[in-house]
Protein backbone atom coordinates (compact mmCIF):
# COMPACT_ATOMS: atom_id res chain seq x y z
CA MET A 1 110.32 125.12 107.45
CA LEU A 2 106.99 126.62 108.48
CA LYS A 3 105.40 125.49 105.23
CA ALA A 4 106.62 121.92 105.75
CA THR A 5 105.31 121.91 109.33
CA LEU A 6 101.90 123.15 108.23
CA LEU A 7 101.80 120.49 105.53
CA LEU A 8 102.52 117.75 108.06
CA LEU A 9 99.81 119.07 110.35
CA PHE A 10 97.37 119.10 107.44
CA LEU A 11 98.20 115.55 106.39
CA SER A 12 97.84 114.25 109.92
CA THR A 13 94.23 115.46 110.03
CA LEU A 14 93.17 113.54 106.92
CA SER A 15 90.52 110.89 107.42
CA ALA A 16 90.76 107.48 105.75
CA LYS A 17 88.09 108.57 103.28
CA ASP A 18 90.04 111.77 102.51
CA ILE A 19 93.16 109.71 101.78
CA VAL A 20 91.32 107.32 99.44
CA ASP A 21 89.59 110.22 97.74
CA LYS A 22 92.94 111.90 97.06
CA ALA A 23 94.33 108.62 95.71
CA TYR A 24 91.36 107.97 93.42
CA ASN A 25 91.18 111.55 92.15
CA ARG A 26 94.84 112.49 91.84
CA ASP A 27 95.99 114.41 88.78
CA VAL A 28 96.32 112.27 85.64
CA PRO A 29 96.84 113.16 81.95
CA LYS A 30 93.75 114.09 79.97
CA SER A 31 94.88 111.54 77.40
CA SER A 32 97.75 109.15 76.80
CA MET A 33 99.07 106.47 74.50
CA ALA A 34 101.29 103.79 76.01
CA LYS A 35 103.13 100.85 74.55
CA SER A 36 103.56 98.10 77.12
CA LYS A 37 104.56 94.52 77.56
CA MET A 38 102.56 92.03 79.59
CA ILE A 39 104.41 89.02 80.97
CA ILE A 40 102.30 86.18 82.38
CA ILE A 41 104.27 83.84 84.67
CA ASN A 42 102.68 80.57 85.72
CA GLU A 43 103.31 78.45 88.83
CA LYS A 44 106.18 76.63 87.07
CA GLY A 45 107.93 79.87 86.20
CA GLU A 46 107.05 79.57 82.51
CA THR A 47 106.36 82.88 80.78
CA ARG A 48 104.16 84.22 78.02
CA GLU A 49 104.87 87.71 76.75
CA ARG A 50 102.43 90.03 75.03
CA GLU A 51 102.80 93.47 73.53
CA ILE A 52 99.92 95.90 73.90
CA LEU A 53 98.99 99.46 73.01
CA THR A 54 96.74 101.42 75.35
CA TYR A 55 94.84 104.59 74.48
CA THR A 56 93.21 106.54 77.30
CA ALA A 57 91.25 109.78 77.15
CA GLU A 58 88.70 111.82 79.05
CA ILE A 59 85.88 112.67 76.66
CA LYS A 60 83.04 114.89 77.85
CA GLY A 61 83.93 114.07 81.44
CA ILE A 62 83.97 110.31 80.85
CA ARG A 63 87.22 108.32 81.15
CA LYS A 64 87.69 105.76 78.37
CA SER A 65 90.46 103.23 77.68
CA LEU A 66 91.24 101.03 74.69
CA ILE A 67 93.71 98.16 74.98
CA LYS A 68 94.84 96.63 71.70
CA PHE A 69 97.03 93.50 71.57
CA LEU A 70 99.83 93.68 69.01
CA GLU A 71 101.74 90.44 69.64
CA PRO A 72 101.92 87.41 69.59
CA ALA A 73 99.87 86.06 66.72
CA ASP A 74 97.30 84.20 68.86
CA VAL A 75 96.08 87.43 70.47
CA LYS A 76 96.98 89.96 67.76
CA ASP A 77 94.23 92.55 67.09
CA THR A 78 92.19 91.54 70.13
CA SER A 79 90.85 94.79 71.62
CA PHE A 80 89.33 95.67 74.98
CA LEU A 81 87.32 98.84 75.59
CA HIS A 82 86.54 100.15 79.06
CA ILE A 83 84.19 103.09 79.60
CA GLU A 84 83.75 104.52 83.09
CA ASN A 85 80.21 105.30 84.17
CA PRO A 86 80.07 107.75 87.12
CA LYS A 87 76.39 106.96 87.74
CA GLY A 88 76.42 103.17 87.47
CA GLU A 89 78.24 100.10 86.21
CA ASP A 90 81.15 100.68 83.85
CA GLU A 91 80.83 99.40 80.29
CA GLN A 92 83.29 96.86 78.89
CA PHE A 93 83.62 95.38 75.41
CA LEU A 94 85.95 92.77 73.90
CA TYR A 95 86.65 92.45 70.17
CA ILE A 96 87.61 88.91 69.11
CA PRO A 97 89.33 88.94 65.69
CA ALA A 98 88.90 85.18 65.08
CA ILE A 99 85.13 85.64 64.79
CA LYS A 100 85.25 89.36 63.91
CA LYS A 101 82.74 90.20 66.62
CA THR A 102 82.53 92.51 69.61
CA ARG A 103 80.85 91.26 72.76
CA ARG A 104 79.88 93.12 75.90
CA ILE A 105 81.45 91.89 79.14
CA ALA A 106 78.51 91.37 81.48
CA GLY A 107 78.76 91.95 85.20
CA SER A 108 78.72 88.23 85.92
CA GLN A 109 81.77 87.72 83.68
CA ARG A 110 83.97 90.42 85.19
CA SER A 111 85.50 88.20 87.85
CA SER A 112 87.07 86.03 85.13
CA SER A 113 90.68 86.37 83.98
CA PHE A 114 91.50 89.13 81.53
CA MET A 115 93.16 87.47 78.54
CA GLY A 116 94.71 84.71 80.64
CA SER A 117 96.43 87.16 83.00
CA ASP A 118 96.16 87.54 86.78
CA PHE A 119 94.06 90.67 86.31
CA SER A 120 90.30 90.22 86.17
CA TYR A 121 88.01 92.41 84.09
CA SER A 122 86.72 93.97 87.31
CA ASP A 123 90.26 95.05 88.27
CA PHE A 124 90.06 97.69 85.53
CA GLU A 125 87.09 99.40 87.16
CA LYS A 126 87.60 102.61 89.10
CA ARG A 127 85.69 102.12 92.30
CA ASP A 128 83.83 105.08 93.72
CA VAL A 129 85.03 106.31 97.11
CA ASP A 130 81.52 105.89 98.49
CA SER A 131 81.43 102.23 97.40
CA GLY A 132 83.23 101.22 100.58
CA GLU A 133 83.83 102.12 104.23
CA HIS A 134 87.41 103.21 104.88
CA PHE A 135 89.62 102.87 107.95
CA LEU A 136 93.15 104.16 108.56
CA VAL A 137 94.98 101.10 109.89
CA LYS A 138 98.41 102.65 110.43
CA GLU A 139 101.11 104.87 109.01
CA GLU A 140 104.47 103.28 108.22
CA ASN A 141 107.55 103.28 106.01
CA TYR A 142 107.14 100.96 103.03
CA ASN A 143 110.05 100.39 100.64
CA GLY A 144 111.65 103.63 101.78
CA GLN A 145 108.50 105.76 101.46
CA ASP A 146 106.08 107.03 104.12
CA VAL A 147 102.63 105.59 103.48
CA TYR A 148 99.12 105.42 104.84
CA VAL A 149 97.71 101.89 105.18
CA VAL A 150 93.97 102.08 104.56
CA GLU A 151 91.46 99.23 104.76
CA SER A 152 88.35 99.58 102.61
CA ILE A 153 85.35 97.35 103.32
CA ALA A 154 83.39 96.87 100.11
CA LYS A 155 79.63 97.50 100.11
CA ASP A 156 78.33 96.12 96.81
CA GLU A 157 81.47 94.51 95.39
CA PRO A 158 80.73 91.13 93.73
CA ASP A 159 84.30 89.76 93.83
CA TYR A 160 86.04 91.16 96.91
CA SER A 161 85.11 91.72 100.54
CA LYS A 162 87.80 94.31 101.22
CA PHE A 163 90.95 96.01 99.95
CA VAL A 164 93.98 97.16 101.91
CA GLN A 165 96.01 99.91 100.24
CA TRP A 166 99.49 101.28 100.92
CA ILE A 167 99.17 104.91 99.74
CA ARG A 168 102.22 107.15 99.54
CA LYS A 169 101.94 110.32 101.62
CA ASP A 170 103.83 112.54 99.18
CA ASN A 171 101.79 111.88 96.03
CA PHE A 172 98.84 109.68 97.11
CA VAL A 173 99.73 106.88 94.70
CA PRO A 174 98.72 103.38 95.93
CA VAL A 175 101.93 101.33 95.71
CA ARG A 176 100.41 98.11 97.02
CA ILE A 177 96.86 96.80 97.15
CA ASP A 178 95.81 93.55 98.86
CA PHE A 179 92.58 91.94 97.63
CA TYR A 180 90.42 89.74 99.88
CA ASP A 181 87.72 87.37 98.63
CA LYS A 182 84.19 87.13 99.99
CA LYS A 183 85.36 84.69 102.70
CA GLY A 184 87.96 87.16 103.91
CA ASN A 185 90.96 85.33 102.41
CA LEU A 186 93.88 87.28 100.92
CA ILE A 187 93.96 86.14 97.29
CA LYS A 188 95.74 88.79 95.21
CA ARG A 189 98.30 91.52 95.64
CA LEU A 190 99.06 94.40 93.29
CA GLU A 191 102.51 95.95 93.69
CA VAL A 192 103.99 98.98 91.95
CA GLU A 193 107.64 98.13 91.33
CA LYS A 194 108.45 101.28 89.37
CA LEU A 195 106.85 104.70 89.74
CA GLU A 196 107.97 107.61 87.59
CA ASN A 197 107.12 111.29 87.32
CA ILE A 198 106.48 111.82 83.61
CA ASP A 199 105.35 115.24 82.37
CA GLY A 200 104.43 116.13 85.94
CA TYR A 201 102.24 113.04 86.47
CA TRP A 202 103.05 110.10 88.73
CA ILE A 203 102.72 106.99 86.54
CA SER A 204 103.15 103.36 87.54
CA THR A 205 105.48 102.13 84.80
CA LYS A 206 105.94 98.63 86.22
CA THR A 207 103.15 96.86 88.06
CA VAL A 208 102.88 93.25 89.21
CA MET A 209 99.65 91.43 90.03
CA HIS A 210 100.26 88.35 92.19
CA SER A 211 97.71 85.53 92.40
CA LEU A 212 98.74 84.41 95.88
CA THR A 213 96.61 81.27 96.04
CA LYS A 214 97.88 80.00 92.67
CA ASN A 215 101.53 81.12 92.89
CA LYS A 216 101.23 83.02 89.59
CA LYS A 217 101.83 86.61 88.58
CA THR A 218 101.46 89.07 85.71
CA VAL A 219 103.92 91.87 85.07
CA LEU A 220 102.70 94.96 83.22
CA GLU A 221 105.50 97.30 82.15
CA ILE A 222 105.22 100.51 80.13
CA ILE A 223 107.92 100.78 77.45
CA GLU A 224 106.90 104.14 75.99
CA ILE A 225 104.22 106.69 76.85
CA LYS A 226 102.99 109.96 75.37
CA ASN A 227 100.70 112.19 77.44
CA ASN A 228 98.10 114.82 76.53
CA ILE A 229 97.95 113.96 72.85
CA ASP A 230 95.02 114.12 70.44
CA ILE A 231 93.19 110.79 70.25
CA PRO A 232 90.13 110.59 67.97
CA GLU A 233 86.85 109.90 69.77
CA LYS A 234 86.14 107.11 67.25
CA TYR A 235 88.82 105.00 68.99
CA PHE A 236 86.45 104.54 71.92
CA LEU A 237 83.32 103.45 70.06
CA PRO A 238 82.40 99.74 70.47
CA GLN A 239 81.46 99.44 66.79
CA ASN A 240 84.97 100.50 65.78
CA LEU A 241 86.95 97.99 67.83
CA GLY A 242 87.87 95.84 64.86
CA LYS A 243 88.89 98.84 62.78
CA ILE A 244 91.41 100.69 64.94
């Protein structure tokens, strides 16, 4: 009882920046391999389904992710590599099998749709806590869980003016994020529909990105995941994208 009371007192003293910092830097696997399906649903309710394989690893302190499309035939073998850069802009590369070439995704291109989905290339970037000013709007119960609602005003963000996050108090996982454009309009909403504790890590196994202005959405659902496995460093080299 005393321990629980002390924990509540501790949580109540957290600043908005503390909360965001805990969310951004929560414990995650050192590496993982996940098989997922991506379902793109347009404004008419028509769907396109894709199967993808994602490799993620922390190599020499740098987080790297490789997304490889397995199905259907029109996107098969397309690969996307994302490399976090703690000191500057992240690096992104896209391998296009039709022309057998890898191209770098420039900063000006990152607001565009990722492979026809409602995610943009910039949505894959991990934003530094200091890249925005954070405010605790309120604390509430959201879908049966106690959450902090934190508004983050972006400083040097090219696509968004602010984000509002619903962050669970018990594990600091953001279960909803609202995205506002440069004019202050709410344009997108990311919702975690399924959150599971796998191998001691909280993992969003079903996530939906809503394009609110276009009445579209993309569902990303993990079918199978393996954590803390050996993944060769060569998987995360741009020159190898067409070979993995």
